[in-house]
Amino acid sequence: MRQFRLDGKVALVTGAGEGIGAAIALAFAEAGANVILVARTVSKLEEVAAQARKAGPGRVMVAPCDVTHNDAMRALIGTLPSLDIAINNAGTNYPGPFVDVSAEHLDTMLTLNVRSYFVVAQAAVKKMLESNTARSGGRSVINISSQMGHVGAPERSAYCMTKHAVEGLTKAMAVELAQRNIRVNSIAPTFIDTPLIRRIVDTHEKHVALVSCIPLARLGCVEDVASAAVYLASPAAAMITGTCLATDGGWTAQ
């Protein structure tokens, strides 16, 4: 179906070296987009790039960069010839009791999960506004949030705070940028089977307890999130902005 295609669009994906970011990059390539892969580790980016080049006809650019280096990210995005889609995906989590959250972990989560999202989104929108109006129909920012941006949970105080911030940023951007024909949405996954989650859910008992909280009774897979991202970036979602698409297996419906 043509309305779900991204042919010729230029998409930047952060955290593209593995997990959700890599899956989004591959899905975008398959949908016809030209993809810019951003992460810190060159070897991981090259591996994803090789798969993306096989997945679709578009160009694939490897752009090693730490998204927390604000000036470097602004420079990277500023030098792009054009940009249609930006995916804010890089993030981290340090679960632990509220009273034990360290200043280091708090600063790391705020810097990566909130500040980098703002900086990347701001630079991306500035670049989008340089493009000619003929391309404006497909301009979109998608922030990868979390089900924890809509609820609270034990040992997730700092993480919940950062993801609630992402949801607020998404809504405010959507309202302000609608008149510029730039759509802004978020995706709120449940626990997804990624390297990050495997480090946290590291025993059988933890896995069973976690899955019991998800009505669909399974962890999400990266393709669940990637499919949602393709939809939100595509012409099929042309009337959707300021919305969070929950890929959470029903967690937040309880």
Protein backbone atom coordinates (compact mmCIF):
# COMPACT_ATOMS: atom_id res chain seq x y z
CA MET A 1 0.00 0.00 0.00
CA ARG A 2 1.55 3.25 -1.15
CA GLN A 3 0.37 5.27 1.84
CA PHE A 4 2.66 3.22 4.07
CA ARG A 5 5.76 3.84 1.92
CA LEU A 6 8.60 6.26 2.69
CA ASP A 7 10.17 6.38 -0.76
CA GLY A 8 12.72 9.17 -1.11
CA LYS A 9 12.31 10.42 2.46
CA VAL A 10 15.45 11.16 4.48
CA ALA A 11 15.27 9.71 7.99
CA LEU A 12 17.71 10.08 10.88
CA VAL A 13 17.62 7.41 13.61
CA THR A 14 19.52 7.74 16.88
CA GLY A 15 20.54 4.70 18.89
CA ALA A 16 20.65 2.84 15.58
CA GLY A 17 23.45 0.43 16.46
CA GLU A 18 21.23 -2.21 18.03
CA GLY A 19 17.81 -3.00 19.43
CA ILE A 20 14.86 -0.78 18.63
CA GLY A 21 16.90 1.79 16.72
CA ALA A 22 18.42 -0.81 14.42
CA ALA A 23 15.00 -2.35 13.76
CA ILE A 24 13.52 1.05 12.91
CA ALA A 25 16.41 1.79 10.55
CA LEU A 26 15.90 -1.52 8.73
CA ALA A 27 12.13 -1.04 8.52
CA PHE A 28 12.58 2.46 7.12
CA ALA A 29 15.07 1.19 4.54
CA GLU A 30 12.63 -1.53 3.51
CA ALA A 31 9.92 1.14 3.16
CA GLY A 32 12.13 3.06 0.72
CA ALA A 33 13.68 5.75 2.92
CA ASN A 34 17.23 7.05 2.82
CA VAL A 35 18.50 6.37 6.34
CA ILE A 36 21.11 8.10 8.50
CA LEU A 37 22.31 5.84 11.31
CA VAL A 38 23.53 7.50 14.50
CA ALA A 39 25.18 5.75 17.46
CA ARG A 40 28.55 5.72 19.20
CA THR A 41 29.95 2.39 17.99
CA VAL A 42 31.07 2.35 14.35
CA SER A 43 31.23 -1.44 14.07
CA LYS A 44 27.61 -1.81 15.14
CA LEU A 45 26.50 0.92 12.73
CA GLU A 46 28.34 -0.72 9.84
CA GLU A 47 26.62 -4.03 10.57
CA VAL A 48 23.19 -2.40 10.58
CA ALA A 49 24.06 -0.40 7.46
CA ALA A 50 24.96 -3.57 5.56
CA GLN A 51 21.57 -5.06 6.41
CA ALA A 52 19.76 -1.81 5.54
CA ARG A 53 21.38 -1.65 2.10
CA LYS A 54 20.04 -5.12 1.37
CA ALA A 55 16.59 -4.24 2.71
CA GLY A 56 15.79 -1.34 0.41
CA PRO A 57 16.90 0.80 -2.53
CA GLY A 58 17.66 3.98 -0.58
CA ARG A 59 20.98 5.41 0.52
CA VAL A 60 22.37 4.52 3.95
CA MET A 61 24.74 6.84 5.81
CA VAL A 62 26.71 5.87 8.90
CA ALA A 63 27.15 8.83 11.26
CA PRO A 64 29.02 7.87 14.44
CA CYS A 65 28.19 10.36 17.18
CA ASP A 66 27.34 10.47 20.88
CA VAL A 67 23.91 12.08 21.10
CA THR A 68 24.81 13.59 24.47
CA HIS A 69 27.47 15.70 22.73
CA ASN A 70 25.04 18.46 21.88
CA ASP A 71 27.27 20.56 19.63
CA ALA A 72 28.36 17.51 17.65
CA MET A 73 24.76 16.47 17.04
CA ARG A 74 23.77 19.98 16.02
CA ALA A 75 26.69 20.05 13.58
CA LEU A 76 25.86 16.62 12.17
CA ILE A 77 22.23 17.48 11.52
CA GLY A 78 23.05 20.99 10.36
CA THR A 79 25.28 19.71 7.55
CA LEU A 80 22.65 17.36 6.10
CA PRO A 81 21.32 18.45 2.70
CA SER A 82 17.75 17.75 3.86
CA LEU A 83 15.77 15.89 6.49
CA ASP A 84 12.19 14.61 6.54
CA ILE A 85 12.02 12.29 9.55
CA ALA A 86 13.84 12.26 12.89
CA ILE A 87 13.65 9.35 15.32
CA ASN A 88 14.75 10.07 18.89
CA ASN A 89 15.54 6.64 20.23
CA ALA A 90 18.78 6.60 22.24
CA GLY A 91 18.09 6.08 25.93
CA THR A 92 19.02 4.22 29.09
CA ASN A 93 17.69 3.12 32.46
CA TYR A 94 19.14 2.40 35.88
CA PRO A 95 16.41 0.75 37.96
CA GLY A 96 16.62 1.09 41.71
CA PRO A 97 14.82 2.29 44.83
CA PHE A 98 13.97 6.00 44.81
CA VAL A 99 16.05 6.72 47.91
CA ASP A 100 19.10 5.03 46.38
CA VAL A 101 19.19 6.76 42.97
CA SER A 102 22.69 8.19 42.64
CA ALA A 103 23.47 11.65 41.32
CA GLU A 104 25.49 10.01 38.54
CA HIS A 105 22.64 7.80 37.36
CA LEU A 106 20.15 10.66 37.62
CA ASP A 107 22.35 12.96 35.54
CA THR A 108 22.98 10.23 32.95
CA MET A 109 19.27 9.54 32.48
CA LEU A 110 18.34 13.22 32.33
CA THR A 111 21.13 13.94 29.84
CA LEU A 112 20.43 11.02 27.50
CA ASN A 113 16.68 10.51 27.90
CA VAL A 114 15.60 14.16 27.99
CA ARG A 115 18.22 16.71 27.02
CA SER A 116 19.47 14.79 23.97
CA TYR A 117 15.88 14.35 22.77
CA PHE A 118 15.29 18.09 22.97
CA VAL A 119 18.57 18.96 21.23
CA VAL A 120 18.16 16.41 18.43
CA ALA A 121 14.52 17.36 17.87
CA GLN A 122 15.35 21.07 17.82
CA ALA A 123 18.20 20.62 15.33
CA ALA A 124 16.07 18.31 13.19
CA VAL A 125 13.16 20.74 13.03
CA LYS A 126 15.49 23.60 12.07
CA LYS A 127 16.81 21.46 9.21
CA MET A 128 13.29 20.46 8.13
CA LEU A 129 12.25 24.10 7.97
CA GLU A 130 15.04 24.73 5.46
CA SER A 131 13.48 22.26 3.02
CA ASN A 132 11.18 23.33 0.22
CA THR A 133 7.44 23.14 0.77
CA ALA A 134 7.05 20.31 -1.72
CA ARG A 135 8.60 17.97 0.85
CA SER A 136 6.66 19.30 3.82
CA GLY A 137 3.86 16.75 3.77
CA GLY A 138 6.07 14.02 5.16
CA ARG A 139 8.01 15.88 7.82
CA SER A 140 7.82 14.10 11.14
CA VAL A 141 9.54 13.74 14.51
CA ILE A 142 8.99 10.53 16.46
CA ASN A 143 10.14 10.25 20.06
CA ILE A 144 10.58 6.75 21.43
CA SER A 145 9.13 7.01 24.90
CA SER A 146 7.90 4.19 27.14
CA GLN A 147 4.83 2.87 28.86
CA MET A 148 6.58 4.34 31.91
CA GLY A 149 5.83 7.76 30.45
CA HIS A 150 2.18 7.12 31.32
CA VAL A 151 2.30 5.25 34.63
CA GLY A 152 4.45 4.91 37.71
CA ALA A 153 6.35 1.83 38.83
CA PRO A 154 8.55 0.77 41.74
CA GLU A 155 12.28 1.30 41.21
CA ARG A 156 11.63 3.35 38.08
CA SER A 157 11.29 6.86 39.56
CA ALA A 158 13.99 8.59 37.53
CA TYR A 159 13.18 6.67 34.35
CA CYS A 160 9.45 7.43 34.67
CA MET A 161 10.30 11.10 35.19
CA THR A 162 12.36 11.24 32.00
CA LYS A 163 9.75 9.47 29.90
CA HIS A 164 6.93 11.66 31.20
CA ALA A 165 9.12 14.58 30.09
CA VAL A 166 9.38 13.07 26.60
CA GLU A 167 5.59 12.83 26.39
CA GLY A 168 5.25 16.48 27.42
CA LEU A 169 7.84 17.55 24.85
CA THR A 170 6.02 15.58 22.16
CA LYS A 171 2.67 17.25 22.82
CA ALA A 172 4.11 20.77 23.06
CA MET A 173 6.11 20.34 19.85
CA ALA A 174 3.09 18.91 18.04
CA VAL A 175 0.88 21.86 18.88
CA GLU A 176 3.53 24.46 18.05
CA LEU A 177 4.77 22.87 14.83
CA ALA A 178 1.44 21.83 13.33
CA GLN A 179 1.17 25.15 11.50
CA ARG A 180 4.56 24.39 9.92
CA ASN A 181 3.30 21.01 8.67
CA ILE A 182 5.61 19.05 10.94
CA ARG A 183 3.98 16.19 12.83
CA VAL A 184 5.33 15.06 16.21
CA ASN A 185 4.33 11.80 17.89
CA SER A 186 5.69 9.31 20.37
CA ILE A 187 5.76 5.54 20.71
CA ALA A 188 5.46 3.95 24.15
CA PRO A 189 6.75 0.37 24.15
CA THR A 190 6.40 -2.11 26.95
CA PHE A 191 9.47 -4.13 27.89
CA ILE A 192 11.05 -5.07 24.56
CA ASP A 193 13.42 -7.98 24.06
CA THR A 194 16.60 -5.93 23.56
CA PRO A 195 20.14 -6.07 24.98
CA LEU A 196 19.20 -3.33 27.49
CA ILE A 197 16.19 -5.26 28.81
CA ARG A 198 18.13 -8.54 28.92
CA ARG A 199 20.64 -6.88 31.24
CA ILE A 200 17.81 -5.82 33.56
CA VAL A 201 15.57 -8.91 33.32
CA ASP A 202 18.42 -11.31 33.93
CA THR A 203 16.71 -14.28 35.62
CA HIS A 204 13.87 -16.63 34.72
CA GLU A 205 11.92 -15.46 37.75
CA LYS A 206 12.16 -11.81 36.68
CA HIS A 207 11.04 -12.73 33.16
CA VAL A 208 7.99 -14.65 34.39
CA ALA A 209 7.00 -11.86 36.78
CA LEU A 210 7.35 -9.24 34.06
CA VAL A 211 5.36 -11.12 31.41
CA SER A 212 2.56 -11.68 33.93
CA CYS A 213 1.99 -7.89 33.94
CA ILE A 214 1.47 -7.71 30.16
CA PRO A 215 -2.05 -8.69 29.01
CA LEU A 216 -0.73 -10.09 25.72
CA ALA A 217 1.56 -12.29 27.86
CA ARG A 218 4.85 -11.72 26.08
CA LEU A 219 7.69 -9.28 25.86
CA GLY A 220 7.51 -7.01 22.86
CA CYS A 221 9.89 -7.49 19.94
CA VAL A 222 11.76 -4.72 18.15
CA GLU A 223 9.65 -5.20 15.04
CA ASP A 224 6.55 -4.20 17.03
CA VAL A 225 8.06 -0.77 17.59
CA ALA A 226 9.58 -0.48 14.11
CA SER A 227 6.20 -1.12 12.46
CA ALA A 228 4.62 1.61 14.58
CA ALA A 229 7.39 4.02 13.57
CA VAL A 230 6.91 3.33 9.86
CA TYR A 231 3.19 3.97 10.24
CA LEU A 232 3.62 7.26 12.13
CA ALA A 233 6.22 8.50 9.62
CA SER A 234 4.15 7.54 6.58
CA PRO A 235 1.40 9.36 4.67
CA ALA A 236 -1.06 6.94 6.29
CA ALA A 237 -0.66 8.95 9.51
CA ALA A 238 -0.99 12.36 7.85
CA MET A 239 -3.68 13.50 10.31
CA ILE A 240 -1.93 12.20 13.41
CA THR A 241 0.14 14.52 15.60
CA GLY A 242 0.58 14.94 19.34
CA THR A 243 -0.34 11.30 19.86
CA CYS A 244 1.36 8.46 21.70
CA LEU A 245 1.07 5.06 20.05
CA ALA A 246 1.38 2.51 22.86
CA THR A 247 3.02 -0.73 21.76
CA ASP A 248 2.69 -2.06 25.27
CA GLY A 249 0.65 -5.24 24.98
CA GLY A 250 -2.13 -3.66 27.01
CA TRP A 251 -0.01 -2.67 30.03
CA THR A 252 -1.36 0.88 30.32
CA ALA A 253 -4.96 -0.23 29.66
CA GLN A 254 -5.13 -1.94 33.06
